[in-house]
PDB file of N, CA and C in Angstrom:
ATOM      1  N   UNK A   1      65.378 -93.405 137.857  1.00  0.00           N
ATOM      2  CA  UNK A   1      65.005 -93.670 136.497  1.00  0.00           C
ATOM      3  C   UNK A   1      63.534 -94.093 136.479  1.00  0.00           C
ATOM      4  N   UNK A   2      62.756 -93.410 135.656  1.00  0.00           N
ATOM      5  CA  UNK A   2      61.329 -93.703 135.611  1.00  0.00           C
ATOM      6  C   UNK A   2      61.055 -94.916 134.725  1.00  0.00           C
ATOM      7  N   UNK A   3      59.841 -95.409 134.829  1.00  0.00           N
ATOM      8  CA  UNK A   3      59.442 -96.575 134.042  1.00  0.00           C
ATOM      9  C   UNK A   3      59.471 -96.245 132.551  1.00  0.00           C
ATOM     10  N   UNK A   4      59.129 -95.018 132.211  1.00  0.00           N
ATOM     11  CA  UNK A   4      59.134 -94.591 130.813  1.00  0.00           C
ATOM     12  C   UNK A   4      60.539 -94.669 130.234  1.00  0.00           C
ATOM     13  N   UNK A   5      61.521 -94.205 130.981  1.00  0.00           N
ATOM     14  CA  UNK A   5      62.896 -94.220 130.489  1.00  0.00           C
ATOM     15  C   UNK A   5      63.459 -95.646 130.422  1.00  0.00           C
ATOM     16  N   UNK A   6      63.046 -96.491 131.338  1.00  0.00           N
ATOM     17  CA  UNK A   6      63.473 -97.893 131.259  1.00  0.00           C
ATOM     18  C   UNK A   6      62.953 -98.539 129.989  1.00  0.00           C
ATOM     19  N   UNK A   7      61.699 -98.274 129.655  1.00  0.00           N
ATOM     20  CA  UNK A   7      61.108 -98.811 128.435  1.00  0.00           C
ATOM     21  C   UNK A   7      61.807 -98.255 127.198  1.00  0.00           C
ATOM     22  N   UNK A   8      62.075 -96.969 127.185  1.00  0.00           N
ATOM     23  CA  UNK A   8      62.742 -96.361 126.037  1.00  0.00           C
ATOM     24  C   UNK A   8      64.161 -96.895 125.864  1.00  0.00           C
ATOM     25  N   UNK A   9      64.871 -97.088 126.948  1.00  0.00           N
ATOM     26  CA  UNK A   9      66.226 -97.645 126.860  1.00  0.00           C
ATOM     27  C   UNK A   9      66.171 -99.086 126.368  1.00  0.00           C
ATOM     28  N   UNK A  10      65.165 -99.836 126.789  1.00  0.00           N
ATOM     29  CA  UNK A  10      65.008-101.210 126.306  1.00  0.00           C
ATOM     30  C   UNK A  10      64.744-101.225 124.804  1.00  0.00           C
ATOM     31  N   UNK A  11      63.915-100.312 124.325  1.00  0.00           N
ATOM     32  CA  UNK A  11      63.631-100.220 122.892  1.00  0.00           C
ATOM     33  C   UNK A  11      64.892 -99.862 122.120  1.00  0.00           C
ATOM     34  N   UNK A  12      65.646 -98.899 122.604  1.00  0.00           N
ATOM     35  CA  UNK A  12      66.880 -98.492 121.931  1.00  0.00           C
ATOM     36  C   UNK A  12      67.894 -99.639 121.961  1.00  0.00           C
ATOM     37  N   UNK A  13      67.938-100.397 123.036  1.00  0.00           N
ATOM     38  CA  UNK A  13      68.844-101.542 123.112  1.00  0.00           C
ATOM     39  C   UNK A  13      68.486-102.592 122.065  1.00  0.00           C
ATOM     40  N   UNK A  14      67.215-102.883 121.924  1.00  0.00           N
ATOM     41  CA  UNK A  14      66.774-103.857 120.927  1.00  0.00           C
ATOM     42  C   UNK A  14      67.089-103.360 119.514  1.00  0.00           C
ATOM     43  N   UNK A  15      66.836-102.086 119.242  1.00  0.00           N
ATOM     44  CA  UNK A  15      67.162-101.523 117.932  1.00  0.00           C
ATOM     45  C   UNK A  15      68.666-101.575 117.660  1.00  0.00           C
ATOM     46  N   UNK A  16      69.473-101.343 118.685  1.00  0.00           N
ATOM     47  CA  UNK A  16      70.925-101.428 118.532  1.00  0.00           C
ATOM     48  C   UNK A  16      71.359-102.852 118.234  1.00  0.00           C
ATOM     49  N   UNK A  17      70.745-103.823 118.884  1.00  0.00           N
ATOM     50  CA  UNK A  17      71.072-105.223 118.591  1.00  0.00           C
ATOM     51  C   UNK A  17      70.709-105.591 117.154  1.00  0.00           C
ATOM     52  N   UNK A  18      69.538-105.144 116.686  1.00  0.00           N
ATOM     53  CA  UNK A  18      69.177-105.384 115.293  1.00  0.00           C
ATOM     54  C   UNK A  18      70.165-104.710 114.347  1.00  0.00           C
ATOM     55  N   UNK A  19      70.597-103.523 114.693  1.00  0.00           N
ATOM     56  CA  UNK A  19      71.572-102.806 113.880  1.00  0.00           C
ATOM     57  C   UNK A  19      72.899-103.563 113.833  1.00  0.00           C
ATOM     58  N   UNK A  20      73.322-104.126 114.955  1.00  0.00           N
ATOM     59  CA  UNK A  20      74.557-104.904 114.977  1.00  0.00           C
ATOM     60  C   UNK A  20      74.434-106.154 114.111  1.00  0.00           C
ATOM     61  N   UNK A  21      73.314-106.843 114.186  1.00  0.00           N
ATOM     62  CA  UNK A  21      73.099-108.036 113.366  1.00  0.00           C
ATOM     63  C   UNK A  21      73.090-107.666 111.889  1.00  0.00           C
ATOM     64  N   UNK A  22      72.418-106.564 111.559  1.00  0.00           N
ATOM     65  CA  UNK A  22      72.391-106.104 110.174  1.00  0.00           C
ATOM     66  C   UNK A  22      73.791-105.787 109.674  1.00  0.00           C
ATOM     67  N   UNK A  23      74.580-105.112 110.485  1.00  0.00           N
ATOM     68  CA  UNK A  23      75.942-104.754 110.081  1.00  0.00           C
ATOM     69  C   UNK A  23      76.827-105.985 109.908  1.00  0.00           C
ATOM     70  N   UNK A  24      76.563-107.028 110.665  1.00  0.00           N
ATOM     71  CA  UNK A  24      77.354-108.254 110.537  1.00  0.00           C
ATOM     72  C   UNK A  24      77.115-108.926 109.184  1.00  0.00           C
ATOM     73  N   UNK A  25      75.919-108.772 108.631  1.00  0.00           N
ATOM     74  CA  UNK A  25      75.583-109.394 107.348  1.00  0.00           C
ATOM     75  C   UNK A  25      75.530-108.384 106.203  1.00  0.00           C
ATOM     76  N   UNK A  26      76.018-107.174 106.424  1.00  0.00           N
ATOM     77  CA  UNK A  26      75.910-106.117 105.426  1.00  0.00           C
ATOM     78  C   UNK A  26      76.615-106.486 104.122  1.00  0.00           C
ATOM     79  N   UNK A  27      77.826-107.034 104.188  1.00  0.00           N
ATOM     80  CA  UNK A  27      78.559-107.371 102.969  1.00  0.00           C
ATOM     81  C   UNK A  27      77.834-108.423 102.146  1.00  0.00           C
ATOM     82  N   UNK A  28      77.264-109.413 102.798  1.00  0.00           N
ATOM     83  CA  UNK A  28      76.507-110.441 102.079  1.00  0.00           C
ATOM     84  C   UNK A  28      75.247-109.860 101.448  1.00  0.00           C
ATOM     85  N   UNK A  29      74.558-109.009 102.199  1.00  0.00           N
ATOM     86  CA  UNK A  29      73.368-108.367 101.649  1.00  0.00           C
ATOM     87  C   UNK A  29      73.720-107.443 100.482  1.00  0.00           C
ATOM     88  N   UNK A  30      74.832-106.737 100.612  1.00  0.00           N
ATOM     89  CA  UNK A  30      75.295-105.851  99.542  1.00  0.00           C
ATOM     90  C   UNK A  30      75.532-106.655  98.265  1.00  0.00           C
ATOM     91  N   UNK A  31      76.219-107.791  98.397  1.00  0.00           N
ATOM     92  CA  UNK A  31      76.477-108.641  97.240  1.00  0.00           C
ATOM     93  C   UNK A  31      75.201-109.204  96.638  1.00  0.00           C
ATOM     94  N   UNK A  32      74.277-109.644  97.492  1.00  0.00           N
ATOM     95  CA  UNK A  32      73.022-110.198  97.006  1.00  0.00           C
ATOM     96  C   UNK A  32      72.232-109.163  96.210  1.00  0.00           C
ATOM     97  N   UNK A  33      72.074-107.980  96.771  1.00  0.00           N
ATOM     98  CA  UNK A  33      71.298-106.953  96.081  1.00  0.00           C
ATOM     99  C   UNK A  33      72.024-106.432  94.846  1.00  0.00           C
ATOM    100  N   UNK A  34      73.340-106.509  94.834  1.00  0.00           N
ATOM    101  CA  UNK A  34      74.092-106.136  93.641  1.00  0.00           C
ATOM    102  C   UNK A  34      73.818-107.138  92.519  1.00  0.00           C
ATOM    103  N   UNK A  35      73.768-108.427  92.849  1.00  0.00           N
ATOM    104  CA  UNK A  35      73.471-109.446  91.839  1.00  0.00           C
ATOM    105  C   UNK A  35      72.036-109.334  91.328  1.00  0.00           C
ATOM    106  N   UNK A  36      71.119-108.870  92.175  1.00  0.00           N
ATOM    107  CA  UNK A  36      69.715-108.740  91.791  1.00  0.00           C
ATOM    108  C   UNK A  36      69.424-107.402  91.097  1.00  0.00           C
ATOM    109  N   UNK A  37      70.436-106.579  90.903  1.00  0.00           N
ATOM    110  CA  UNK A  37      70.313-105.239  90.281  1.00  0.00           C
ATOM    111  C   UNK A  37      69.373-104.313  91.050  1.00  0.00           C
ATOM    112  N   UNK A  38      69.330-104.469  92.367  1.00  0.00           N
ATOM    113  CA  UNK A  38      68.543-103.563  93.206  1.00  0.00           C
ATOM    114  C   UNK A  38      69.433-102.918  94.263  1.00  0.00           C
ATOM    115  N   UNK A  39      70.704-102.742  93.914  1.00  0.00           N
ATOM    116  CA  UNK A  39      71.656-102.220  94.892  1.00  0.00           C
ATOM    117  C   UNK A  39      71.321-100.793  95.298  1.00  0.00           C
ATOM    118  N   UNK A  40      70.900 -99.959  94.350  1.00  0.00           N
ATOM    119  CA  UNK A  40      70.609 -98.566  94.683  1.00  0.00           C
ATOM    120  C   UNK A  40      69.452 -98.466  95.680  1.00  0.00           C
ATOM    121  N   UNK A  41      68.434 -99.280  95.497  1.00  0.00           N
ATOM    122  CA  UNK A  41      67.311 -99.295  96.444  1.00  0.00           C
ATOM    123  C   UNK A  41      67.774 -99.741  97.827  1.00  0.00           C
ATOM    124  N   UNK A  42      68.639-100.768  97.877  1.00  0.00           N
ATOM    125  CA  UNK A  42      69.172-101.262  99.149  1.00  0.00           C
ATOM    126  C   UNK A  42      69.983-100.183  99.850  1.00  0.00           C
ATOM    127  N   UNK A  43      70.851 -99.503  99.117  1.00  0.00           N
ATOM    128  CA  UNK A  43      71.679 -98.466  99.731  1.00  0.00           C
ATOM    129  C   UNK A  43      70.851 -97.286 100.221  1.00  0.00           C
ATOM    130  N   UNK A  44      69.842 -96.909  99.447  1.00  0.00           N
ATOM    131  CA  UNK A  44      68.965 -95.813  99.860  1.00  0.00           C
ATOM    132  C   UNK A  44      68.183 -96.181 101.116  1.00  0.00           C
ATOM    133  N   UNK A  45      67.629 -97.381 101.133  1.00  0.00           N
ATOM    134  CA  UNK A  45      66.870 -97.845 102.297  1.00  0.00           C
ATOM    135  C   UNK A  45      67.756 -97.930 103.533  1.00  0.00           C
ATOM    136  N   UNK A  46      68.961 -98.447 103.348  1.00  0.00           N
ATOM    137  CA  UNK A  46      69.906 -98.547 104.464  1.00  0.00           C
ATOM    138  C   UNK A  46      70.241 -97.167 105.023  1.00  0.00           C
ATOM    139  N   UNK A  47      70.492 -96.214 104.132  1.00  0.00           N
ATOM    140  CA  UNK A  47      70.820 -94.855 104.559  1.00  0.00           C
ATOM    141  C   UNK A  47      69.661 -94.230 105.336  1.00  0.00           C
ATOM    142  N   UNK A  48      68.449 -94.408 104.843  1.00  0.00           N
ATOM    143  CA  UNK A  48      67.276 -93.825 105.503  1.00  0.00           C
ATOM    144  C   UNK A  48      67.030 -94.476 106.870  1.00  0.00           C
ATOM    145  N   UNK A  49      67.135 -95.810 106.943  1.00  0.00           N
ATOM    146  CA  UNK A  49      66.882 -96.499 108.217  1.00  0.00           C
ATOM    147  C   UNK A  49      67.947 -96.164 109.263  1.00  0.00           C
ATOM    148  N   UNK A  50      69.220 -96.083 108.861  1.00  0.00           N
ATOM    149  CA  UNK A  50      70.263 -95.709 109.820  1.00  0.00           C
ATOM    150  C   UNK A  50      70.074 -94.278 110.293  1.00  0.00           C
ATOM    151  N   UNK A  51      69.718 -93.391 109.379  1.00  0.00           N
ATOM    152  CA  UNK A  51      69.449 -92.007 109.771  1.00  0.00           C
ATOM    153  C   UNK A  51      68.273 -91.907 110.720  1.00  0.00           C
ATOM    154  N   UNK A  52      67.218 -92.686 110.439  1.00  0.00           N
ATOM    155  CA  UNK A  52      66.044 -92.680 111.315  1.00  0.00           C
ATOM    156  C   UNK A  52      66.393 -93.204 112.700  1.00  0.00           C
ATOM    157  N   UNK A  53      67.210 -94.260 112.762  1.00  0.00           N
ATOM    158  CA  UNK A  53      67.629 -94.802 114.055  1.00  0.00           C
ATOM    159  C   UNK A  53      68.389 -93.760 114.868  1.00  0.00           C
ATOM    160  N   UNK A  54      69.311 -93.056 114.222  1.00  0.00           N
ATOM    161  CA  UNK A  54      70.074 -92.036 114.939  1.00  0.00           C
ATOM    162  C   UNK A  54      69.192 -90.866 115.369  1.00  0.00           C
ATOM    163  N   UNK A  55      68.235 -90.490 114.533  1.00  0.00           N
ATOM    164  CA  UNK A  55      67.321 -89.403 114.893  1.00  0.00           C
ATOM    165  C   UNK A  55      66.441 -89.816 116.072  1.00  0.00           C
ATOM    166  N   UNK A  56      65.958 -91.056 116.077  1.00  0.00           N
ATOM    167  CA  UNK A  56      65.135 -91.543 117.187  1.00  0.00           C
ATOM    168  C   UNK A  56      65.916 -91.507 118.496  1.00  0.00           C
ATOM    169  N   UNK A  57      67.155 -91.979 118.454  1.00  0.00           N
ATOM    170  CA  UNK A  57      67.974 -91.977 119.671  1.00  0.00           C
ATOM    171  C   UNK A  57      68.239 -90.545 120.131  1.00  0.00           C
ATOM    172  N   UNK A  58      68.496 -89.640 119.186  1.00  0.00           N
ATOM    173  CA  UNK A  58      68.742 -88.242 119.550  1.00  0.00           C
ATOM    174  C   UNK A  58      67.496 -87.602 120.166  1.00  0.00           C
ATOM    175  N   UNK A  59      66.333 -87.886 119.610  1.00  0.00           N
ATOM    176  CA  UNK A  59      65.092 -87.331 120.160  1.00  0.00           C
ATOM    177  C   UNK A  59      64.832 -87.875 121.563  1.00  0.00           C
ATOM    178  N   UNK A  60      65.073 -89.167 121.763  1.00  0.00           N
ATOM    179  CA  UNK A  60      64.884 -89.731 123.105  1.00  0.00           C
ATOM    180  C   UNK A  60      65.861 -89.112 124.101  1.00  0.00           C
ATOM    181  N   UNK A  61      67.068 -88.826 123.666  1.00  0.00           N
ATOM    182  CA  UNK A  61      68.023 -88.136 124.531  1.00  0.00           C
ATOM    183  C   UNK A  61      67.546 -86.747 124.898  1.00  0.00           C
ATOM    184  N   UNK A  62      66.963 -86.041 123.925  1.00  0.00           N
ATOM    185  CA  UNK A  62      66.420 -84.713 124.215  1.00  0.00           C
ATOM    186  C   UNK A  62      65.232 -84.787 125.169  1.00  0.00           C
ATOM    187  N   UNK A  63      64.422 -85.829 125.026  1.00  0.00           N
ATOM    188  CA  UNK A  63      63.294 -86.012 125.953  1.00  0.00           C
ATOM    189  C   UNK A  63      63.816 -86.217 127.372  1.00  0.00           C
ATOM    190  N   UNK A  64      64.888 -86.995 127.491  1.00  0.00           N
ATOM    191  CA  UNK A  64      65.436 -87.219 128.838  1.00  0.00           C
ATOM    192  C   UNK A  64      66.038 -85.935 129.402  1.00  0.00           C
ATOM    193  N   UNK A  65      66.586 -85.082 128.540  1.00  0.00           N
ATOM    194  CA  UNK A  65      67.089 -83.788 129.019  1.00  0.00           C
ATOM    195  C   UNK A  65      65.948 -82.891 129.468  1.00  0.00           C
ATOM    196  N   UNK A  66      64.841 -82.909 128.732  1.00  0.00           N
ATOM    197  CA  UNK A  66      63.684 -82.095 129.116  1.00  0.00           C
ATOM    198  C   UNK A  66      63.034 -82.595 130.398  1.00  0.00           C
ATOM    199  N   UNK A  67      63.129 -83.888 130.666  1.00  0.00           N
ATOM    200  CA  UNK A  67      62.580 -84.448 131.908  1.00  0.00           C
ATOM    201  C   UNK A  67      63.521 -84.246 133.088  1.00  0.00           C
ATOM    202  N   UNK A  68      64.676 -83.656 132.832  1.00  0.00           N
ATOM    203  CA  UNK A  68      65.695 -83.420 133.857  1.00  0.00           C
ATOM    204  C   UNK A  68      66.105 -84.721 134.543  1.00  0.00           C
ATOM    205  N   UNK A  69      66.195 -85.772 133.743  1.00  0.00           N
ATOM    206  CA  UNK A  69      66.624 -87.073 134.256  1.00  0.00           C
ATOM    207  C   UNK A  69      68.067 -87.284 133.820  1.00  0.00           C
ATOM    208  N   UNK A  70      68.993 -86.743 134.589  1.00  0.00           N
ATOM    209  CA  UNK A  70      70.407 -86.744 134.195  1.00  0.00           C
ATOM    210  C   UNK A  70      71.051 -88.123 134.306  1.00  0.00           C
ATOM    211  N   UNK A  71      70.404 -89.056 134.992  1.00  0.00           N
ATOM    212  CA  UNK A  71      70.958 -90.405 135.091  1.00  0.00           C
ATOM    213  C   UNK A  71      70.829 -91.157 133.773  1.00  0.00           C
ATOM    214  N   UNK A  72      69.843 -90.820 132.967  1.00  0.00           N
ATOM    215  CA  UNK A  72      69.541 -91.559 131.748  1.00  0.00           C
ATOM    216  C   UNK A  72      70.249 -90.980 130.529  1.00  0.00           C
ATOM    217  N   UNK A  73      70.519 -89.709 130.516  1.00  0.00           N
ATOM    218  CA  UNK A  73      71.092 -89.037 129.353  1.00  0.00           C
ATOM    219  C   UNK A  73      72.393 -89.675 128.861  1.00  0.00           C
ATOM    220  N   UNK A  74      73.324 -90.072 129.719  1.00  0.00           N
ATOM    221  CA  UNK A  74      74.540 -90.722 129.196  1.00  0.00           C
ATOM    222  C   UNK A  74      74.266 -92.024 128.442  1.00  0.00           C
ATOM    223  N   UNK A  75      73.228 -92.754 128.822  1.00  0.00           N
ATOM    224  CA  UNK A  75      72.892 -93.979 128.098  1.00  0.00           C
ATOM    225  C   UNK A  75      72.518 -93.673 126.656  1.00  0.00           C
ATOM    226  N   UNK A  76      71.711 -92.630 126.455  1.00  0.00           N
ATOM    227  CA  UNK A  76      71.316 -92.266 125.097  1.00  0.00           C
ATOM    228  C   UNK A  76      72.527 -91.789 124.295  1.00  0.00           C
ATOM    229  N   UNK A  77      73.411 -91.056 124.934  1.00  0.00           N
ATOM    230  CA  UNK A  77      74.617 -90.585 124.249  1.00  0.00           C
ATOM    231  C   UNK A  77      75.504 -91.758 123.845  1.00  0.00           C
ATOM    232  N   UNK A  78      75.652 -92.731 124.733  1.00  0.00           N
ATOM    233  CA  UNK A  78      76.454 -93.921 124.420  1.00  0.00           C
ATOM    234  C   UNK A  78      75.823 -94.699 123.271  1.00  0.00           C
ATOM    235  N   UNK A  79      74.502 -94.895 123.316  1.00  0.00           N
ATOM    236  CA  UNK A  79      73.831 -95.605 122.227  1.00  0.00           C
ATOM    237  C   UNK A  79      73.973 -94.858 120.909  1.00  0.00           C
ATOM    238  N   UNK A  80      73.840 -93.532 120.935  1.00  0.00           N
ATOM    239  CA  UNK A  80      73.968 -92.732 119.724  1.00  0.00           C
ATOM    240  C   UNK A  80      75.359 -92.891 119.119  1.00  0.00           C
ATOM    241  N   UNK A  81      76.372 -92.724 119.934  1.00  0.00           N
ATOM    242  CA  UNK A  81      77.738 -92.835 119.418  1.00  0.00           C
ATOM    243  C   UNK A  81      78.060 -94.262 118.979  1.00  0.00           C
ATOM    244  N   UNK A  82      77.585 -95.250 119.713  1.00  0.00           N
ATOM    245  CA  UNK A  82      77.827 -96.637 119.352  1.00  0.00           C
ATOM    246  C   UNK A  82      77.179 -96.964 118.008  1.00  0.00           C
ATOM    247  N   UNK A  83      75.927 -96.538 117.806  1.00  0.00           N
ATOM    248  CA  UNK A  83      75.254 -96.786 116.536  1.00  0.00           C
ATOM    249  C   UNK A  83      75.880 -95.997 115.396  1.00  0.00           C
ATOM    250  N   UNK A  84      76.516 -94.906 115.727  1.00  0.00           N
ATOM    251  CA  UNK A  84      77.190 -94.119 114.703  1.00  0.00           C
ATOM    252  C   UNK A  84      78.441 -94.819 114.197  1.00  0.00           C
ATOM    253  N   UNK A  85      79.152 -95.540 115.088  1.00  0.00           N
ATOM    254  CA  UNK A  85      80.405 -96.173 114.665  1.00  0.00           C
ATOM    255  C   UNK A  85      80.261 -97.660 114.347  1.00  0.00           C
ATOM    256  N   UNK A  86      79.108 -98.264 114.571  1.00  0.00           N
ATOM    257  CA  UNK A  86      78.929 -99.699 114.300  1.00  0.00           C
ATOM    258  C   UNK A  86      79.305-100.069 112.859  1.00  0.00           C
ATOM    259  N   UNK A  87      78.860 -99.326 111.844  1.00  0.00           N
ATOM    260  CA  UNK A  87      79.220 -99.738 110.478  1.00  0.00           C
ATOM    261  C   UNK A  87      80.730 -99.792 110.251  1.00  0.00           C
ATOM    262  N   UNK A  88      81.476 -98.956 110.910  1.00  0.00           N
ATOM    263  CA  UNK A  88      82.935 -98.937 110.734  1.00  0.00           C
ATOM    264  C   UNK A  88      83.619-100.075 111.490  1.00  0.00           C
ATOM    265  N   UNK A  89      82.990-100.556 112.541  1.00  0.00           N
ATOM    266  CA  UNK A  89      83.554-101.672 113.312  1.00  0.00           C
ATOM    267  C   UNK A  89      83.489-102.960 112.499  1.00  0.00           C
ATOM    268  N   UNK A  90      82.369-103.178 111.814  1.00  0.00           N
ATOM    269  CA  UNK A  90      82.165-104.429 111.106  1.00  0.00           C
ATOM    270  C   UNK A  90      82.810-104.476 109.724  1.00  0.00           C
ATOM    271  N   UNK A  91      83.330-103.356 109.239  1.00  0.00           N
ATOM    272  CA  UNK A  91      83.964-103.353 107.908  1.00  0.00           C
ATOM    273  C   UNK A  91      85.454-103.434 108.014  1.00  0.00           C
TER     274      UNK A  91
END
């Protein structure tokens, strides 16, 4: 595993932790923004940020495939699938 891939996995790990924290407080944030009449903006922003996170992880996985670093590719796949199901775990 190269230094570049270690750094990228660390970044994806940190983003996944932030995503988990966000999902833990999602219901409270949903209620708050609903009371403030900005729920549509919150939902749109949430959708865009989650999509961007999944796209970033997918692109990093493709980079690892292009580098022929087969040891790292399963990590990106696990992170991608984990971030895909996190919202369903916390609800």
